[in-house]
Amino acid sequence: MSETPRLLSFVDAAELLGLPPHRIKQLLREHQLFAVSTPEGKPAIPAETLVNVDGHWIPLENLQGTLTVLADCGFSAEEVAAWMYTYEEELEETPMEALLRGRHHRVNNIARMLAL
């Protein structure tokens, strides 16, 4: 990964979202969130994938679509995390940066091309 995002434990992410910690694994399975490995090898949630909307924390809008496209392309969880933080020349930034700027259509188009 080209960047080191700020990471939240599953417990901390669940607390922000107002959910029990076991629900984080469900959100991962549903492609609403993705996890990266900490230097200690533990899974964690990139903090920037959670956004505060009107005082409530939710998963980043449109992240689920991108994660579903990548899963459909056969990406493993580790490959998803690596791709999200690797500079993409066509985007002129990382896919995560582009998603945070609302460029999800372009990110998804590039992700679909990876399957070819």
Protein backbone atom coordinates (compact mmCIF):
# COMPACT_ATOMS: atom_id res chain seq x y z
CA MET A 1 0.00 0.00 0.00
CA SER A 2 1.28 3.42 -0.83
CA GLU A 3 -0.42 5.10 2.14
CA THR A 4 -0.90 4.11 5.73
CA PRO A 5 -4.47 4.94 6.67
CA ARG A 6 -5.54 5.58 10.25
CA LEU A 7 -6.98 2.30 11.44
CA LEU A 8 -9.78 1.43 13.83
CA SER A 9 -10.18 -1.85 15.65
CA PHE A 10 -13.41 -3.69 14.98
CA VAL A 11 -14.57 -2.68 18.48
CA ASP A 12 -13.81 1.02 17.85
CA ALA A 13 -15.48 0.95 14.42
CA ALA A 14 -18.55 -0.73 15.90
CA GLU A 15 -18.71 1.87 18.66
CA LEU A 16 -18.63 4.73 16.12
CA LEU A 17 -21.37 3.07 14.09
CA GLY A 18 -23.43 2.34 17.20
CA LEU A 19 -23.37 -1.40 16.52
CA PRO A 20 -22.31 -4.48 18.48
CA PRO A 21 -18.74 -5.50 17.49
CA HIS A 22 -19.86 -8.76 15.83
CA ARG A 23 -21.77 -6.72 13.22
CA ILE A 24 -18.49 -5.46 11.72
CA LYS A 25 -17.82 -8.91 10.27
CA GLN A 26 -21.27 -8.85 8.69
CA LEU A 27 -20.57 -5.43 7.15
CA LEU A 28 -17.35 -6.89 5.72
CA ARG A 29 -19.25 -9.85 4.22
CA GLU A 30 -21.82 -7.45 2.76
CA HIS A 31 -19.00 -5.39 1.16
CA GLN A 32 -20.02 -2.28 3.09
CA LEU A 33 -16.55 -2.06 4.65
CA PHE A 34 -13.14 -3.58 4.07
CA ALA A 35 -10.35 -4.41 6.45
CA VAL A 36 -6.59 -4.05 6.28
CA SER A 37 -3.98 -5.76 8.41
CA THR A 38 -2.24 -3.85 11.17
CA PRO A 39 1.54 -4.23 11.53
CA GLU A 40 0.71 -6.83 14.21
CA GLY A 41 -1.36 -8.79 11.66
CA LYS A 42 -4.76 -7.96 13.17
CA PRO A 43 -7.62 -6.84 10.92
CA ALA A 44 -8.70 -3.22 11.24
CA ILE A 45 -11.03 -0.81 9.47
CA PRO A 46 -9.60 2.27 7.70
CA ALA A 47 -11.08 5.21 9.60
CA GLU A 48 -11.74 7.17 6.41
CA THR A 49 -14.30 4.55 5.32
CA LEU A 50 -16.59 5.79 8.10
CA VAL A 51 -18.14 9.22 7.66
CA ASN A 52 -20.23 11.41 9.92
CA VAL A 53 -23.53 12.39 8.33
CA ASP A 54 -25.76 14.62 10.41
CA GLY A 55 -24.17 13.40 13.64
CA HIS A 56 -24.35 9.70 12.75
CA TRP A 57 -21.44 7.57 11.58
CA ILE A 58 -22.06 5.40 8.51
CA PRO A 59 -19.94 3.53 5.97
CA LEU A 60 -18.72 5.74 3.12
CA GLU A 61 -21.43 6.07 0.50
CA ASN A 62 -20.67 4.16 -2.71
CA LEU A 63 -17.93 2.09 -1.07
CA GLN A 64 -20.17 -0.96 -1.18
CA GLY A 65 -20.50 -0.74 -4.98
CA THR A 66 -16.74 -0.62 -5.47
CA LEU A 67 -16.12 -3.45 -3.03
CA THR A 68 -18.76 -5.58 -4.76
CA VAL A 69 -17.17 -4.94 -8.17
CA LEU A 70 -13.76 -5.97 -6.82
CA ALA A 71 -15.20 -9.10 -5.20
CA ASP A 72 -16.94 -9.99 -8.46
CA CYS A 73 -13.57 -9.58 -10.20
CA GLY A 74 -12.14 -12.21 -7.85
CA PHE A 75 -10.13 -9.93 -5.57
CA SER A 76 -9.26 -11.34 -2.16
CA ALA A 77 -9.70 -9.17 0.93
CA GLU A 78 -5.95 -8.48 0.93
CA GLU A 79 -5.97 -7.54 -2.76
CA VAL A 80 -8.90 -5.17 -2.20
CA ALA A 81 -7.07 -3.38 0.60
CA ALA A 82 -3.88 -3.12 -1.44
CA TRP A 83 -5.67 -1.84 -4.56
CA MET A 84 -7.64 0.79 -2.65
CA TYR A 85 -4.41 2.42 -1.47
CA THR A 86 -2.26 1.98 -4.58
CA TYR A 87 -1.81 4.96 -6.91
CA GLU A 88 -3.82 4.50 -10.11
CA GLU A 89 -2.42 6.46 -13.04
CA GLU A 90 -5.83 6.81 -14.72
CA LEU A 91 -7.25 8.40 -11.56
CA GLU A 92 -4.10 10.38 -10.77
CA GLU A 93 -4.64 9.33 -7.15
CA THR A 94 -5.48 6.20 -5.20
CA PRO A 95 -8.93 4.66 -5.60
CA MET A 96 -9.63 5.50 -1.94
CA GLU A 97 -8.78 9.16 -2.52
CA ALA A 98 -11.03 9.17 -5.57
CA LEU A 99 -13.91 7.61 -3.63
CA LEU A 100 -13.54 10.22 -0.92
CA ARG A 101 -13.84 12.87 -3.65
CA GLY A 102 -17.04 11.28 -4.97
CA ARG A 103 -15.47 9.79 -8.11
CA HIS A 104 -17.03 6.34 -7.58
CA HIS A 105 -18.17 5.89 -11.19
CA ARG A 106 -14.62 6.26 -12.49
CA VAL A 107 -13.23 4.03 -9.73
CA ASN A 108 -15.78 1.33 -10.51
CA ASN A 109 -15.06 1.50 -14.24
CA ILE A 110 -11.35 1.00 -13.61
CA ALA A 111 -12.09 -1.84 -11.19
CA ARG A 112 -14.24 -3.57 -13.84
CA MET A 113 -11.38 -3.33 -16.36
CA LEU A 114 -9.16 -5.24 -13.92
CA ALA A 115 -11.28 -8.34 -14.50
CA LEU A 116 -10.44 -8.41 -18.21
